[in-house]
C-alpha atoms as a PDB file:
ATOM      1  CA  MET A   1      -8.098 -66.544  27.804  1.00  0.00           C
ATOM      2  CA  ILE A   2      -8.131 -63.619  30.183  1.00  0.00           C
ATOM      3  CA  LYS A   3     -10.322 -60.524  29.636  1.00  0.00           C
ATOM      4  CA  LEU A   4      -9.438 -57.268  31.268  1.00  0.00           C
ATOM      5  CA  SER A   5     -11.414 -54.212  31.213  1.00  0.00           C
ATOM      6  CA  PHE A   6      -9.689 -50.951  30.494  1.00  0.00           C
ATOM      7  CA  PRO A   7      -9.905 -49.765  34.229  1.00  0.00           C
ATOM      8  CA  ARG A   8      -8.503 -53.176  35.382  1.00  0.00           C
ATOM      9  CA  LEU A   9      -5.731 -52.687  32.960  1.00  0.00           C
ATOM     10  CA  LEU A  10      -4.888 -49.388  34.523  1.00  0.00           C
ATOM     11  CA  ALA A  11      -5.009 -51.117  37.895  1.00  0.00           C
ATOM     12  CA  LEU A  12      -2.562 -53.719  36.839  1.00  0.00           C
ATOM     13  CA  THR A  13      -0.288 -50.790  35.687  1.00  0.00           C
ATOM     14  CA  ALA A  14      -0.639 -49.332  39.223  1.00  0.00           C
ATOM     15  CA  VAL A  15       0.242 -52.665  40.713  1.00  0.00           C
ATOM     16  CA  GLY A  16       3.412 -52.858  38.458  1.00  0.00           C
ATOM     17  CA  LEU A  17       4.344 -49.398  39.899  1.00  0.00           C
ATOM     18  CA  VAL A  18       3.951 -50.650  43.404  1.00  0.00           C
ATOM     19  CA  LEU A  19       6.062 -53.863  42.776  1.00  0.00           C
ATOM     20  CA  ALA A  20       8.702 -51.881  41.286  1.00  0.00           C
ATOM     21  CA  GLY A  21       8.737 -49.401  44.302  1.00  0.00           C
ATOM     22  CA  GLY A  22      10.716 -52.125  46.074  1.00  0.00           C
ATOM     23  CA  GLY A  23       8.771 -54.092  48.720  1.00  0.00           C
ATOM     24  CA  VAL A  24       6.016 -51.822  49.880  1.00  0.00           C
ATOM     25  CA  SER A  25       3.852 -53.816  52.364  1.00  0.00           C
ATOM     26  CA  VAL A  26       0.047 -54.395  51.975  1.00  0.00           C
ATOM     27  CA  ALA A  27      -0.416 -52.292  55.149  1.00  0.00           C
ATOM     28  CA  GLN A  28       1.448 -49.446  53.519  1.00  0.00           C
ATOM     29  CA  GLN A  29      -0.750 -49.768  50.221  1.00  0.00           C
ATOM     30  CA  ALA A  30      -3.871 -49.438  52.547  1.00  0.00           C
ATOM     31  CA  ALA A  31      -2.561 -46.359  54.336  1.00  0.00           C
ATOM     32  CA  PRO A  32      -4.638 -43.208  53.974  1.00  0.00           C
ATOM     33  CA  ASN A  33      -1.899 -41.531  52.140  1.00  0.00           C
ATOM     34  CA  ILE A  34      -2.372 -43.622  49.197  1.00  0.00           C
ATOM     35  CA  MET A  35      -4.792 -41.003  47.813  1.00  0.00           C
ATOM     36  CA  GLN A  36      -2.236 -38.267  47.966  1.00  0.00           C
ATOM     37  CA  PRO A  37      -1.705 -36.742  44.602  1.00  0.00           C
ATOM     38  CA  ILE A  38       1.670 -37.975  43.021  1.00  0.00           C
ATOM     39  CA  GLU A  39       4.235 -35.722  42.212  1.00  0.00           C
ATOM     40  CA  TRP A  40       5.382 -36.721  38.563  1.00  0.00           C
ATOM     41  CA  ASP A  41       8.990 -35.944  38.172  1.00  0.00           C
ATOM     42  CA  LYS A  42      11.561 -37.416  35.636  1.00  0.00           C
ATOM     43  CA  ARG A  43      12.361 -40.257  37.822  1.00  0.00           C
ATOM     44  CA  ARG A  44       8.582 -41.408  38.312  1.00  0.00           C
ATOM     45  CA  LEU A  45       7.836 -41.011  34.737  1.00  0.00           C
ATOM     46  CA  ASP A  46      10.855 -43.261  33.670  1.00  0.00           C
ATOM     47  CA  GLN A  47       9.695 -45.733  36.287  1.00  0.00           C
ATOM     48  CA  LEU A  48       6.212 -45.815  34.931  1.00  0.00           C
ATOM     49  CA  ASP A  49       7.554 -46.238  31.381  1.00  0.00           C
ATOM     50  CA  ARG A  50       9.576 -49.244  32.583  1.00  0.00           C
ATOM     51  CA  ASN A  51       6.657 -50.666  34.399  1.00  0.00           C
ATOM     52  CA  VAL A  52       4.227 -50.319  31.293  1.00  0.00           C
ATOM     53  CA  ARG A  53       7.056 -52.203  29.188  1.00  0.00           C
ATOM     54  CA  ARG A  54       7.241 -54.965  31.795  1.00  0.00           C
ATOM     55  CA  LEU A  55       3.457 -55.331  31.498  1.00  0.00           C
ATOM     56  CA  GLU A  56       3.405 -55.465  27.865  1.00  0.00           C
ATOM     57  CA  ARG A  57       6.107 -58.150  27.895  1.00  0.00           C
ATOM     58  CA  ALA A  58       4.063 -60.219  30.508  1.00  0.00           C
ATOM     59  CA  LEU A  59       1.057 -59.894  28.281  1.00  0.00           C
ATOM     60  CA  THR A  60       3.138 -61.004  25.208  1.00  0.00           C
ATOM     61  CA  GLN A  61       4.445 -64.068  26.994  1.00  0.00           C
ATOM     62  CA  ARG A  62       0.835 -65.033  28.077  1.00  0.00           C
ATOM     63  CA  ASN A  63      -0.341 -64.631  24.455  1.00  0.00           C
ATOM     64  CA  ALA A  64       2.547 -66.801  23.326  1.00  0.00           C
ATOM     65  CA  ALA A  65       1.779 -69.439  25.853  1.00  0.00           C
ATOM     66  CA  GLY A  66      -1.836 -69.696  24.541  1.00  0.00           C
ATOM     67  CA  GLN A  67      -3.435 -67.707  27.351  1.00  0.00           C
ATOM     68  CA  PRO A  68      -4.187 -64.502  25.406  1.00  0.00           C
ATOM     69  CA  VAL A  69      -5.288 -61.496  27.281  1.00  0.00           C
ATOM     70  CA  LEU A  70      -8.019 -59.358  25.843  1.00  0.00           C
ATOM     71  CA  VAL A  71      -8.459 -55.912  26.774  1.00  0.00           C
ATOM     72  CA  GLU A  72     -12.193 -54.982  26.693  1.00  0.00           C
ATOM     73  CA  PRO A  73     -13.592 -51.518  27.082  1.00  0.00           C
ATOM     74  CA  ASP A  74     -15.383 -50.794  30.324  1.00  0.00           C
ATOM     75  CA  PRO A  75     -19.205 -50.495  29.767  1.00  0.00           C
ATOM     76  CA  GLU A  76     -19.048 -46.883  31.250  1.00  0.00           C
ATOM     77  CA  VAL A  77     -16.460 -46.113  28.789  1.00  0.00           C
ATOM     78  CA  VAL A  78     -18.717 -47.373  25.947  1.00  0.00           C
ATOM     79  CA  THR A  79     -21.483 -45.328  27.251  1.00  0.00           C
ATOM     80  CA  LEU A  80     -19.389 -42.306  27.390  1.00  0.00           C
ATOM     81  CA  GLN A  81     -18.074 -42.980  23.904  1.00  0.00           C
ATOM     82  CA  GLY A  82     -21.583 -43.262  22.750  1.00  0.00           C
ATOM     83  CA  GLN A  83     -22.590 -39.902  24.426  1.00  0.00           C
ATOM     84  CA  PHE A  84     -19.510 -38.384  22.851  1.00  0.00           C
ATOM     85  CA  GLY A  85     -20.624 -39.527  19.447  1.00  0.00           C
ATOM     86  CA  LEU A  86     -24.078 -38.072  20.075  1.00  0.00           C
ATOM     87  CA  LEU A  87     -22.634 -34.858  20.959  1.00  0.00           C
ATOM     88  CA  SER A  88     -20.401 -34.871  18.063  1.00  0.00           C
ATOM     89  CA  GLN A  89     -23.314 -35.539  15.822  1.00  0.00           C
ATOM     90  CA  ARG A  90     -25.265 -32.548  17.448  1.00  0.00           C
ATOM     91  CA  LEU A  91     -22.262 -30.396  17.053  1.00  0.00           C
ATOM     92  CA  GLU A  92     -22.076 -31.317  13.345  1.00  0.00           C
ATOM     93  CA  ASP A  93     -25.685 -30.587  12.938  1.00  0.00           C
ATOM     94  CA  LEU A  94     -25.315 -27.299  14.700  1.00  0.00           C
ATOM     95  CA  GLU A  95     -22.332 -26.279  12.470  1.00  0.00           C
ATOM     96  CA  ALA A  96     -24.352 -27.107   9.436  1.00  0.00           C
ATOM     97  CA  THR A  97     -27.198 -25.051  10.882  1.00  0.00           C
ATOM     98  CA  VAL A  98     -24.866 -22.066  11.278  1.00  0.00           C
ATOM     99  CA  ARG A  99     -23.383 -22.593   7.735  1.00  0.00           C
ATOM    100  CA  ARG A 100     -26.981 -22.445   6.470  1.00  0.00           C
ATOM    101  CA  ILE A 101     -27.794 -19.316   8.367  1.00  0.00           C
ATOM    102  CA  ASN A 102     -24.621 -17.645   7.314  1.00  0.00           C
ATOM    103  CA  GLY A 103     -25.485 -18.435   3.614  1.00  0.00           C
ATOM    104  CA  ASP A 104     -28.882 -17.028   4.249  1.00  0.00           C
ATOM    105  CA  ASN A 105     -27.461 -13.944   5.919  1.00  0.00           C
ATOM    106  CA  GLU A 106     -25.162 -13.478   2.918  1.00  0.00           C
ATOM    107  CA  ARG A 107     -28.066 -13.828   0.291  1.00  0.00           C
ATOM    108  CA  LEU A 108     -30.288 -11.376   2.352  1.00  0.00           C
ATOM    109  CA  THR A 109     -27.358  -8.839   2.762  1.00  0.00           C
ATOM    110  CA  PHE A 110     -26.889  -9.058  -1.195  1.00  0.00           C
ATOM    111  CA  GLN A 111     -30.647  -8.629  -1.700  1.00  0.00           C
ATOM    112  CA  LEU A 112     -30.612  -5.736   0.748  1.00  0.00           C
ATOM    113  CA  ASP A 113     -27.660  -4.049  -1.047  1.00  0.00           C
ATOM    114  CA  GLU A 114     -29.469  -4.340  -4.404  1.00  0.00           C
ATOM    115  CA  ALA A 115     -32.551  -3.121  -2.955  1.00  0.00           C
ATOM    116  CA  GLN A 116     -30.753   0.002  -1.558  1.00  0.00           C
ATOM    117  CA  ARG A 117     -29.023   0.556  -4.972  1.00  0.00           C
ATOM    118  CA  ASP A 118     -32.320   0.436  -6.456  1.00  0.00           C
ATOM    119  CA  ASN A 119     -33.970   2.796  -4.142  1.00  0.00           C
ATOM    120  CA  ALA A 120     -31.074   5.239  -4.620  1.00  0.00           C
ATOM    121  CA  ALA A 121     -31.466   5.028  -8.167  1.00  0.00           C
ATOM    122  CA  LEU A 122     -35.234   5.379  -7.956  1.00  0.00           C
ATOM    123  CA  ARG A 123     -34.832   8.512  -5.629  1.00  0.00           C
ATOM    124  CA  THR A 124     -32.257  10.007  -8.124  1.00  0.00           C
ATOM    125  CA  ARG A 125     -35.000   9.541 -10.951  1.00  0.00           C
ATOM    126  CA  ILE A 126     -37.741  11.090  -8.772  1.00  0.00           C
ATOM    127  CA  VAL A 127     -35.705  14.031  -7.666  1.00  0.00           C
ATOM    128  CA  ASP A 128     -34.778  14.573 -11.402  1.00  0.00           C
ATOM    129  CA  ALA A 129     -38.257  14.211 -12.500  1.00  0.00           C
ATOM    130  CA  GLU A 130     -39.433  16.718  -9.862  1.00  0.00           C
ATOM    131  CA  GLY A 131     -36.775  19.089 -10.995  1.00  0.00           C
ATOM    132  CA  ARG A 132     -37.896  18.987 -14.564  1.00  0.00           C
ATOM    133  CA  ILE A 133     -41.593  19.274 -13.626  1.00  0.00           C
ATOM    134  CA  GLU A 134     -40.640  22.204 -11.607  1.00  0.00           C
ATOM    135  CA  LYS A 135     -38.816  23.855 -14.541  1.00  0.00           C
ATOM    136  CA  LEU A 136     -41.667  23.230 -16.759  1.00  0.00           C
ATOM    137  CA  GLU A 137     -44.043  24.753 -14.227  1.00  0.00           C
ATOM    138  CA  ARG A 138     -41.891  27.750 -13.816  1.00  0.00           C
ATOM    139  CA  ALA A 139     -41.582  28.209 -17.594  1.00  0.00           C
ATOM    140  CA  ALA A 140     -45.458  27.747 -18.137  1.00  0.00           C
ATOM    141  CA  GLU A 141     -45.856  30.389 -15.134  1.00  0.00           C
ATOM    142  CA  LEU A 142     -43.414  32.984 -16.722  1.00  0.00           C
ATOM    143  CA  ASN A 143     -44.527  32.452 -20.198  1.00  0.00           C
ATOM    144  CA  ALA A 144     -48.321  32.729 -19.584  1.00  0.00           C
ATOM    145  CA  PRO A 145     -50.219  35.713 -20.787  1.00  0.00           C
ATOM    146  CA  ILE A 146     -50.152  38.731 -18.314  1.00  0.00           C
ATOM    147  CA  GLU A 147     -53.369  39.200 -16.864  1.00  0.00           C
ATOM    148  CA  ALA A 148     -54.849  41.884 -14.507  1.00  0.00           C
ATOM    149  CA  ASN A 149     -54.444  40.707 -10.909  1.00  0.00           C
ATOM    150  CA  SER A 150     -54.006  42.613  -7.651  1.00  0.00           C
ATOM    151  CA  PRO A 151     -52.712  40.551  -4.672  1.00  0.00           C
ATOM    152  CA  THR A 152     -53.287  43.512  -2.427  1.00  0.00           C
ATOM    153  CA  GLY A 153     -56.045  45.435  -3.942  1.00  0.00           C
ATOM    154  CA  ASP A 154     -53.866  48.598  -3.966  1.00  0.00           C
ATOM    155  CA  ALA A 155     -51.447  49.783  -6.666  1.00  0.00           C
ATOM    156  CA  GLY A 156     -48.944  51.015  -4.282  1.00  0.00           C
ATOM    157  CA  ARG A 157     -48.817  47.804  -2.097  1.00  0.00           C
ATOM    158  CA  ASP A 158     -48.919  45.848  -5.388  1.00  0.00           C
ATOM    159  CA  LEU A 159     -45.796  47.603  -6.512  1.00  0.00           C
ATOM    160  CA  ALA A 160     -44.027  47.444  -3.134  1.00  0.00           C
ATOM    161  CA  ALA A 161     -44.660  43.691  -3.240  1.00  0.00           C
ATOM    162  CA  ALA A 162     -43.166  43.385  -6.753  1.00  0.00           C
ATOM    163  CA  VAL A 163     -40.175  45.099  -5.765  1.00  0.00           C
ATOM    164  CA  ARG A 164     -39.641  42.871  -2.791  1.00  0.00           C
ATOM    165  CA  LEU A 165     -40.056  39.854  -5.039  1.00  0.00           C
ATOM    166  CA  MET A 166     -37.372  41.149  -7.374  1.00  0.00           C
ATOM    167  CA  GLY A 167     -34.826  40.675  -4.520  1.00  0.00           C
ATOM    168  CA  GLU A 168     -35.928  37.090  -4.096  1.00  0.00           C
ATOM    169  CA  ASP A 169     -36.556  35.947  -7.586  1.00  0.00           C
ATOM    170  CA  ARG A 170     -35.817  38.232 -10.372  1.00  0.00           C
ATOM    171  CA  ALA A 171     -37.809  36.489 -13.096  1.00  0.00           C
ATOM    172  CA  ARG A 172     -40.966  36.360 -11.063  1.00  0.00           C
ATOM    173  CA  GLY A 173     -40.375  39.931  -9.786  1.00  0.00           C
ATOM    174  CA  ALA A 174     -40.257  41.138 -13.382  1.00  0.00           C
ATOM    175  CA  ARG A 175     -43.467  39.414 -13.967  1.00  0.00           C
ATOM    176  CA  ALA A 176     -45.088  40.996 -10.977  1.00  0.00           C
ATOM    177  CA  LEU A 177     -43.990  44.425 -12.282  1.00  0.00           C
ATOM    178  CA  GLU A 178     -45.732  43.599 -15.615  1.00  0.00           C
ATOM    179  CA  THR A 179     -48.831  42.646 -13.828  1.00  0.00           C
ATOM    180  CA  VAL A 180     -48.889  45.987 -11.884  1.00  0.00           C
ATOM    181  CA  VAL A 181     -48.550  47.625 -15.570  1.00  0.00           C
ATOM    182  CA  VAL A 182     -51.664  45.680 -16.740  1.00  0.00           C
ATOM    183  CA  THR A 183     -53.568  45.850 -13.601  1.00  0.00           C
ATOM    184  CA  TRP A 184     -53.080  49.437 -12.792  1.00  0.00           C
ATOM    185  CA  PRO A 185     -52.636  51.380 -16.251  1.00  0.00           C
ATOM    186  CA  ASP A 186     -52.059  55.044 -16.354  1.00  0.00           C
ATOM    187  CA  THR A 187     -51.001  55.423 -12.758  1.00  0.00           C
ATOM    188  CA  PRO A 188     -47.720  56.465 -11.204  1.00  0.00           C
ATOM    189  CA  GLN A 189     -47.187  52.809 -10.072  1.00  0.00           C
ATOM    190  CA  ALA A 190     -47.509  51.553 -13.464  1.00  0.00           C
ATOM    191  CA  ARG A 191     -45.105  54.159 -14.935  1.00  0.00           C
ATOM    192  CA  GLU A 192     -42.425  53.267 -12.190  1.00  0.00           C
ATOM    193  CA  ALA A 193     -43.072  49.745 -12.838  1.00  0.00           C
ATOM    194  CA  ASN A 194     -42.169  50.252 -16.385  1.00  0.00           C
ATOM    195  CA  SER A 195     -39.004  52.094 -15.477  1.00  0.00           C
ATOM    196  CA  ARG A 196     -37.816  49.376 -13.432  1.00  0.00           C
ATOM    197  CA  LEU A 197     -38.612  46.885 -16.320  1.00  0.00           C
ATOM    198  CA  GLY A 198     -36.344  49.031 -18.444  1.00  0.00           C
ATOM    199  CA  ASP A 199     -33.586  48.829 -15.797  1.00  0.00           C
ATOM    200  CA  ILE A 200     -33.994  44.908 -15.979  1.00  0.00           C
ATOM    201  CA  ARG A 201     -33.450  44.822 -19.727  1.00  0.00           C
ATOM    202  CA  VAL A 202     -30.417  47.170 -19.479  1.00  0.00           C
ATOM    203  CA  SER A 203     -28.984  44.939 -16.817  1.00  0.00           C
ATOM    204  CA  ALA A 204     -29.494  42.013 -19.298  1.00  0.00           C
ATOM    205  CA  ASN A 205     -27.433  44.039 -21.899  1.00  0.00           C
ATOM    206  CA  ASP A 206     -30.767  44.646 -23.903  1.00  0.00           C
ATOM    207  CA  LYS A 207     -30.936  48.407 -24.296  1.00  0.00           C
ATOM    208  CA  ALA A 208     -32.984  48.090 -27.440  1.00  0.00           C
ATOM    209  CA  GLY A 209     -35.728  46.319 -25.292  1.00  0.00           C
ATOM    210  CA  ALA A 210     -35.286  48.837 -22.558  1.00  0.00           C
ATOM    211  CA  VAL A 211     -36.276  51.747 -24.742  1.00  0.00           C
ATOM    212  CA  ALA A 212     -39.909  50.877 -25.041  1.00  0.00           C
ATOM    213  CA  PHE A 213     -40.384  50.417 -21.198  1.00  0.00           C
ATOM    214  CA  TYR A 214     -38.493  53.795 -20.548  1.00  0.00           C
ATOM    215  CA  ALA A 215     -40.799  55.360 -23.041  1.00  0.00           C
ATOM    216  CA  ALA A 216     -43.872  53.920 -21.473  1.00  0.00           C
ATOM    217  CA  ALA A 217     -42.578  55.165 -18.119  1.00  0.00           C
ATOM    218  CA  LEU A 218     -42.038  58.696 -19.445  1.00  0.00           C
ATOM    219  CA  LYS A 219     -45.455  58.977 -21.192  1.00  0.00           C
ATOM    220  CA  ASP A 220     -46.736  62.477 -20.756  1.00  0.00           C
ATOM    221  CA  TRP A 221     -43.510  63.331 -19.009  1.00  0.00           C
ATOM    222  CA  PRO A 222     -44.668  62.852 -15.284  1.00  0.00           C
ATOM    223  CA  ARG A 223     -43.582  65.189 -12.663  1.00  0.00           C
ATOM    224  CA  ILE A 224     -42.216  62.448 -10.205  1.00  0.00           C
ATOM    225  CA  GLY A 225     -38.848  61.923  -8.394  1.00  0.00           C
ATOM    226  CA  TRP A 226     -37.565  59.088 -10.791  1.00  0.00           C
ATOM    227  CA  ALA A 227     -38.459  60.829 -14.023  1.00  0.00           C
ATOM    228  CA  ALA A 228     -35.260  62.825 -14.554  1.00  0.00           C
ATOM    229  CA  ASP A 229     -33.038  59.713 -14.024  1.00  0.00           C
ATOM    230  CA  THR A 230     -35.296  57.553 -16.266  1.00  0.00           C
ATOM    231  CA  THR A 231     -34.953  60.344 -19.031  1.00  0.00           C
ATOM    232  CA  LEU A 232     -31.149  60.142 -18.930  1.00  0.00           C
ATOM    233  CA  LYS A 233     -31.472  56.320 -19.164  1.00  0.00           C
ATOM    234  CA  LEU A 234     -33.766  56.376 -22.156  1.00  0.00           C
ATOM    235  CA  ALA A 235     -31.404  58.944 -23.874  1.00  0.00           C
ATOM    236  CA  ASP A 236     -28.336  56.532 -23.222  1.00  0.00           C
ATOM    237  CA  ALA A 237     -30.512  53.396 -24.683  1.00  0.00           C
ATOM    238  CA  LEU A 238     -31.318  55.642 -27.699  1.00  0.00           C
ATOM    239  CA  PHE A 239     -27.797  56.481 -28.343  1.00  0.00           C
ATOM    240  CA  ALA A 240     -26.601  52.915 -27.756  1.00  0.00           C
ATOM    241  CA  THR A 241     -28.885  51.618 -30.491  1.00  0.00           C
ATOM    242  CA  ASP A 242     -27.951  54.350 -33.026  1.00  0.00           C
ATOM    243  CA  ARG A 243     -30.879  56.523 -32.651  1.00  0.00           C
ATOM    244  CA  LYS A 244     -29.029  59.980 -32.245  1.00  0.00           C
ATOM    245  CA  THR A 245     -31.927  62.096 -33.101  1.00  0.00           C
ATOM    246  CA  GLN A 246     -34.180  60.582 -30.683  1.00  0.00           C
ATOM    247  CA  GLY A 247     -31.452  60.523 -28.143  1.00  0.00           C
ATOM    248  CA  CYS A 248     -30.728  64.272 -28.370  1.00  0.00           C
ATOM    249  CA  ALA A 249     -34.539  64.954 -28.244  1.00  0.00           C
ATOM    250  CA  ALA A 250     -34.635  62.978 -25.033  1.00  0.00           C
ATOM    251  CA  LEU A 251     -31.753  65.115 -23.555  1.00  0.00           C
ATOM    252  CA  ALA A 252     -33.630  68.405 -24.709  1.00  0.00           C
ATOM    253  CA  GLU A 253     -36.829  67.105 -22.721  1.00  0.00           C
ATOM    254  CA  PHE A 254     -34.542  66.514 -19.848  1.00  0.00           C
ATOM    255  CA  THR A 255     -33.072  70.056 -19.963  1.00  0.00           C
ATOM    256  CA  ARG A 256     -36.553  71.551 -20.349  1.00  0.00           C
ATOM    257  CA  ARG A 257     -38.538  69.591 -17.820  1.00  0.00           C
ATOM    258  CA  TYR A 258     -36.286  68.079 -15.254  1.00  0.00           C
ATOM    259  CA  ALA A 259     -32.866  69.912 -15.267  1.00  0.00           C
ATOM    260  CA  PRO A 260     -34.198  72.915 -12.817  1.00  0.00           C
ATOM    261  CA  SER A 261     -34.886  70.243 -10.110  1.00  0.00           C
ATOM    262  CA  ALA A 262     -32.217  67.669 -11.042  1.00  0.00           C
ATOM    263  CA  SER A 263     -29.163  67.023  -9.032  1.00  0.00           C
ATOM    264  CA  ASP A 264     -25.648  68.064  -9.978  1.00  0.00           C
ATOM    265  CA  PRO A 265     -24.617  64.621 -11.110  1.00  0.00           C
ATOM    266  CA  GLN A 266     -27.567  64.292 -13.219  1.00  0.00           C
ATOM    267  CA  LYS A 267     -26.816  67.631 -15.010  1.00  0.00           C
ATOM    268  CA  ALA A 268     -23.216  66.667 -15.329  1.00  0.00           C
ATOM    269  CA  ARG A 269     -24.272  63.375 -16.983  1.00  0.00           C
ATOM    270  CA  ALA A 270     -26.687  65.071 -19.238  1.00  0.00           C
ATOM    271  CA  ALA A 271     -24.066  67.393 -20.487  1.00  0.00           C
ATOM    272  CA  GLN A 272     -21.432  64.666 -20.990  1.00  0.00           C
ATOM    273  CA  MET A 273     -24.061  62.629 -23.123  1.00  0.00           C
ATOM    274  CA  LYS A 274     -25.113  65.779 -25.175  1.00  0.00           C
ATOM    275  CA  THR A 275     -21.315  66.263 -26.174  1.00  0.00           C
ATOM    276  CA  ALA A 276     -20.619  62.617 -26.825  1.00  0.00           C
ATOM    277  CA  GLY A 277     -23.858  62.370 -28.859  1.00  0.00           C
ATOM    278  CA  GLY A 278     -22.989  65.488 -30.961  1.00  0.00           C
ATOM    279  CA  CYS A 279     -26.428  67.087 -29.840  1.00  0.00           C
ATOM    280  CA  SER A 280     -26.634  70.927 -30.822  1.00  0.00           C
END
């Protein structure tokens, strides 16, 4: 029995190539140019195939003659195969680790998405709760009893501050005007605040509610710039609420007290209202 390693088998194949080359001498085989790279064209490949087939036939004949040829792997090849097996196992372990990490990442991503959704829902609930609390606080503030309070310590500055607040927050501005009335009663500023409160009611289509504020503003018929216009507003609100007698009385007071210094548009308006109201 002949045992051949894999490299030796390759060497035999090379020998077959030499023999097939047609009488190449030993000296020529040892020549330095034997290490030059072979250019593998179709002819050389066909020749290699024929030599391999010859070698196979020779091996078959020896096996048939009872002299089998066993091809054994070279120890270096076995070692390389073992190392390749270890590398393959390490690669499989690495792939398993990567799959596990990917799975963990997917779970973490899902948990993170759930946490973000929960946070968004919580923020929405907090914003909604804050809005409801703000509304309740505002309602409590606007509906609380009016008490005397002077932010500036001066009636004129308090009124000016209330008028500015009206431009920013109508409801709080109205409450500030009411505070001026309570804090500074029987003052020109309180009367003007009442006149402005009457205007607020008229703008809200509540002329019936405006009457009381206009009447309070005109208590004792003050001699002040806004009084003439407020008297006309009072008369209009009275006519609008079917109080003709009182409306005509207000126009009479306008004629007696404010007409001499009133503007032409105010006088024209008073005349038009007197005619429309059927005042004598």
